[in-house]
Amino acid sequence: MAGKCSGQLLKQIVSSSTGANTFEKIFNKIRVISGGNGEPYICQLKVTEEFQNRNGTLHGGVTASLVDAVSTWALMSSPHQKSGVSVSMNISYMKAAKVGEDVNIEAKLVKVGKTLAFLNVDITNQDGALLSQVISIYLSIYLSIYLSIYLLHFIYLIIILFISIYLSIYLSIYLSIYLSIYLSISVCSYLSIYLSIYLSIYLSIYLSIYLSIYLSIYLFI
């Protein structure tokens, strides 16, 4: 039952991906053969003239795109249901596929971790001959989002720190001058400096906490 659900999910993902106005629409004639329940995810595509190179065989760039697309679909329709971006594809081209031939793209999940996913992809012809063999590594899209959020948060905290330091210096100077003029007693000069420093530190800490909480709520919730 799990295999049927996974296979059906794979078909839905392939249909949605190839039906959208994206690069993957060039594979709109690809067929899902099987997938799920521990079995490899297999798709089939006929090599047509639009996929050929000058020698009349399957173009190497199309092979790489097929691997990228099918391995992504396999990862998305697996029990882990993760999506990601390719960080590495090691492709070995062994034999050419001629125009008119059907090729099978078979993706196997090797390991799926919290941040990286590893897949092996084989492309074979109808005689079972191995045409290309690939090792693909994916970075979880969720990790990319989290890293971006943490980086933004860090940048805003640095900005808050600089604002607090600036306000602290400004308040120290302002309060020192104001209290010195207001008290106008030399005996109280030390008191005015002490008070200005104390108040500026207190206000800078208060502003740092307030701005940090405000920006955290406003930007990340």
Protein backbone atom coordinates (compact mmCIF):
# COMPACT_ATOMS: atom_id res chain seq x y z
CA MET A 1 0.00 0.00 0.00
CA ALA A 2 2.86 2.34 0.84
CA GLY A 3 4.43 1.58 -2.52
CA LYS A 4 1.22 2.43 -4.37
CA CYS A 5 0.86 5.69 -2.47
CA SER A 6 4.48 6.60 -3.15
CA GLY A 7 4.15 5.69 -6.83
CA GLN A 8 0.98 7.74 -7.13
CA LEU A 9 2.67 10.68 -5.41
CA LEU A 10 5.58 10.39 -7.84
CA LYS A 11 3.18 10.56 -10.79
CA GLN A 12 1.50 13.64 -9.35
CA ILE A 13 4.85 15.38 -8.77
CA VAL A 14 6.09 14.54 -12.28
CA SER A 15 2.83 15.72 -13.85
CA SER A 16 2.92 18.97 -11.89
CA SER A 17 6.61 19.63 -12.61
CA THR A 18 6.49 18.92 -16.34
CA GLY A 19 3.17 20.72 -16.76
CA ALA A 20 4.41 23.99 -15.26
CA ASN A 21 6.04 26.76 -17.28
CA THR A 22 9.56 25.81 -16.16
CA PHE A 23 12.60 24.13 -17.70
CA GLU A 24 11.27 20.69 -16.76
CA LYS A 25 8.41 21.07 -19.25
CA ILE A 26 10.81 19.70 -21.90
CA PHE A 27 10.25 16.34 -20.21
CA ASN A 28 6.46 16.48 -20.53
CA LYS A 29 6.45 13.11 -22.32
CA ILE A 30 8.31 11.27 -19.59
CA ARG A 31 6.51 8.24 -18.11
CA VAL A 32 6.58 6.95 -14.55
CA ILE A 33 7.25 3.21 -14.49
CA SER A 34 7.52 2.44 -10.77
CA GLY A 35 8.63 3.75 -7.41
CA GLY A 36 8.19 3.40 -3.67
CA ASN A 37 8.08 0.68 -1.03
CA GLY A 38 11.86 0.36 -1.06
CA GLU A 39 11.96 -0.06 -4.83
CA PRO A 40 13.93 2.28 -7.14
CA TYR A 41 12.11 5.22 -8.71
CA ILE A 42 12.04 4.56 -12.46
CA CYS A 43 10.95 6.90 -15.25
CA GLN A 44 11.12 6.33 -19.00
CA LEU A 45 11.70 8.78 -21.85
CA LYS A 46 11.97 8.35 -25.61
CA VAL A 47 14.99 10.06 -27.16
CA THR A 48 13.61 12.44 -29.77
CA GLU A 49 15.35 14.81 -32.17
CA GLU A 50 15.03 17.75 -29.78
CA PHE A 51 17.27 15.85 -27.30
CA GLN A 52 19.99 14.84 -29.77
CA ASN A 53 23.48 16.17 -30.27
CA ARG A 54 25.24 16.57 -33.62
CA ASN A 55 25.91 12.81 -33.71
CA GLY A 56 22.23 11.93 -33.45
CA THR A 57 22.45 10.58 -29.90
CA LEU A 58 21.20 11.75 -26.51
CA HIS A 59 22.91 15.01 -25.55
CA GLY A 60 25.03 14.89 -22.39
CA GLY A 61 23.39 18.05 -21.06
CA VAL A 62 19.95 16.45 -21.42
CA THR A 63 21.24 13.43 -19.51
CA ALA A 64 22.37 15.67 -16.65
CA SER A 65 19.00 17.46 -16.64
CA LEU A 66 17.16 14.13 -16.61
CA VAL A 67 19.21 12.96 -13.64
CA ASP A 68 18.60 16.21 -11.77
CA ALA A 69 14.86 16.12 -12.43
CA VAL A 70 14.22 12.43 -11.69
CA SER A 71 16.38 12.35 -8.56
CA THR A 72 14.56 15.45 -7.25
CA TRP A 73 11.17 13.86 -7.92
CA ALA A 74 12.29 10.65 -6.24
CA LEU A 75 13.42 12.57 -3.16
CA MET A 76 10.17 14.54 -2.98
CA SER A 77 7.97 11.45 -3.33
CA SER A 78 10.00 9.32 -0.90
CA PRO A 79 8.76 8.69 2.67
CA HIS A 80 11.03 11.58 3.73
CA GLN A 81 9.22 13.94 1.31
CA LYS A 82 12.10 16.40 1.25
CA SER A 83 13.03 18.90 -1.41
CA GLY A 84 16.42 20.36 -2.03
CA VAL A 85 18.96 21.81 -4.43
CA SER A 86 21.76 19.92 -6.16
CA VAL A 87 25.22 20.52 -4.73
CA SER A 88 27.05 17.76 -6.60
CA MET A 89 26.47 15.43 -9.56
CA ASN A 90 29.21 13.02 -10.61
CA ILE A 91 28.21 11.66 -14.04
CA SER A 92 29.94 8.83 -15.91
CA TYR A 93 28.91 8.53 -19.59
CA MET A 94 29.38 4.96 -20.80
CA LYS A 95 27.27 4.47 -23.90
CA ALA A 96 25.18 6.61 -26.24
CA ALA A 97 21.41 6.39 -26.74
CA LYS A 98 20.18 6.90 -30.30
CA VAL A 99 17.15 8.88 -31.43
CA GLY A 100 14.05 6.69 -31.19
CA GLU A 101 15.34 4.64 -28.26
CA ASP A 102 13.55 4.50 -24.91
CA VAL A 103 15.79 5.09 -21.89
CA ASN A 104 15.04 4.26 -18.28
CA ILE A 105 16.14 6.63 -15.50
CA GLU A 106 16.38 4.72 -12.22
CA ALA A 107 16.94 6.67 -8.98
CA LYS A 108 17.82 4.98 -5.70
CA LEU A 109 17.94 6.71 -2.32
CA VAL A 110 21.22 5.84 -0.64
CA LYS A 111 20.96 8.03 2.45
CA VAL A 112 18.71 10.89 3.56
CA GLY A 113 19.98 12.94 6.48
CA LYS A 114 18.87 16.18 8.10
CA THR A 115 20.83 18.37 5.70
CA LEU A 116 22.06 16.18 2.84
CA ALA A 117 20.51 13.46 0.66
CA PHE A 118 22.51 11.00 -1.46
CA LEU A 119 21.10 9.24 -4.52
CA ASN A 120 22.44 6.87 -7.18
CA VAL A 121 20.96 7.24 -10.66
CA ASP A 122 21.39 4.78 -13.53
CA ILE A 123 20.29 5.40 -17.11
CA THR A 124 19.83 2.26 -19.18
CA ASN A 125 18.39 1.34 -22.56
CA GLN A 126 15.73 -1.29 -23.19
CA ASP A 127 18.37 -4.02 -23.46
CA GLY A 128 19.51 -3.21 -19.93
CA ALA A 129 22.84 -1.75 -21.08
CA LEU A 130 24.14 0.95 -18.73
CA LEU A 131 24.35 4.30 -20.53
CA SER A 132 25.20 6.64 -17.64
CA GLN A 133 25.78 6.33 -13.93
CA VAL A 134 25.44 9.21 -11.50
CA ILE A 135 25.96 10.02 -7.81
CA SER A 136 23.81 13.00 -6.77
CA ILE A 137 24.00 14.99 -3.54
CA TYR A 138 21.24 17.36 -2.45
CA LEU A 139 21.17 20.08 0.17
CA SER A 140 17.89 20.33 2.03
CA ILE A 141 15.97 23.47 0.99
CA TYR A 142 14.88 23.90 4.60
CA LEU A 143 18.51 24.22 5.71
CA SER A 144 19.05 26.97 3.13
CA ILE A 145 16.06 28.86 4.49
CA TYR A 146 17.20 28.47 8.10
CA LEU A 147 20.71 29.66 7.25
CA SER A 148 19.28 32.73 5.52
CA ILE A 149 17.07 33.54 8.50
CA TYR A 150 19.90 33.12 11.00
CA LEU A 151 22.18 35.29 8.86
CA LEU A 152 19.56 38.04 8.69
CA HIS A 153 18.99 37.79 12.41
CA PHE A 154 22.72 38.11 13.06
CA ILE A 155 22.97 41.16 10.79
CA TYR A 156 20.09 42.88 12.56
CA LEU A 157 21.61 42.15 15.96
CA ILE A 158 24.86 43.76 14.80
CA ILE A 159 22.88 46.80 13.62
CA ILE A 160 21.12 46.99 16.98
CA LEU A 161 24.49 46.83 18.77
CA PHE A 162 25.89 49.73 16.75
CA ILE A 163 22.74 51.79 17.28
CA SER A 164 22.93 51.14 21.02
CA ILE A 165 26.61 52.16 21.16
CA TYR A 166 25.89 55.31 19.19
CA LEU A 167 22.96 56.25 21.43
CA SER A 168 25.02 55.47 24.51
CA ILE A 169 27.81 57.84 23.42
CA TYR A 170 25.32 60.50 22.39
CA LEU A 171 23.40 60.27 25.67
CA SER A 172 26.62 60.32 27.72
CA ILE A 173 27.79 63.56 26.09
CA TYR A 174 24.36 65.14 26.19
CA LEU A 175 23.66 64.26 29.81
CA SER A 176 27.14 65.33 30.95
CA ILE A 177 26.73 68.76 29.39
CA TYR A 178 23.15 69.14 30.55
CA LEU A 179 23.82 68.11 34.15
CA SER A 180 26.97 70.22 34.36
CA ILE A 181 25.08 73.31 33.22
CA TYR A 182 22.01 72.55 35.31
CA LEU A 183 23.90 71.88 38.53
CA SER A 184 26.63 74.44 37.77
CA ILE A 185 28.52 73.43 40.87
CA SER A 186 32.06 72.11 40.53
CA VAL A 187 31.60 69.85 43.54
CA CYS A 188 28.83 68.04 41.67
CA SER A 189 30.80 67.52 38.47
CA TYR A 190 31.71 63.96 39.47
CA LEU A 191 28.08 63.32 40.32
CA SER A 192 26.93 64.59 36.93
CA ILE A 193 29.43 62.38 35.10
CA TYR A 194 28.41 59.37 37.19
CA LEU A 195 24.74 59.98 36.56
CA SER A 196 25.22 60.50 32.83
CA ILE A 197 27.20 57.27 32.47
CA TYR A 198 24.73 55.31 34.56
CA LEU A 199 21.70 56.61 32.65
CA SER A 200 23.31 56.13 29.24
CA ILE A 201 24.26 52.50 30.03
CA TYR A 202 20.78 51.81 31.37
CA LEU A 203 19.09 53.34 28.33
CA SER A 204 21.41 51.57 25.87
CA ILE A 205 20.68 48.18 27.48
CA TYR A 206 16.97 48.93 27.49
CA LEU A 207 17.01 50.00 23.84
CA SER A 208 19.03 46.94 22.81
CA ILE A 209 16.57 44.55 24.45
CA TYR A 210 13.55 46.44 23.13
CA LEU A 211 14.83 46.68 19.55
CA SER A 212 15.96 43.05 19.55
CA ILE A 213 12.55 41.78 20.69
CA TYR A 214 10.70 44.11 18.33
CA LEU A 215 12.71 43.14 15.25
CA SER A 216 12.57 39.43 16.13
CA ILE A 217 8.78 39.54 16.35
CA TYR A 218 8.34 41.79 13.32
CA LEU A 219 10.73 39.97 11.00
CA PHE A 220 10.66 36.30 11.98
CA ILE A 221 7.17 35.55 13.26
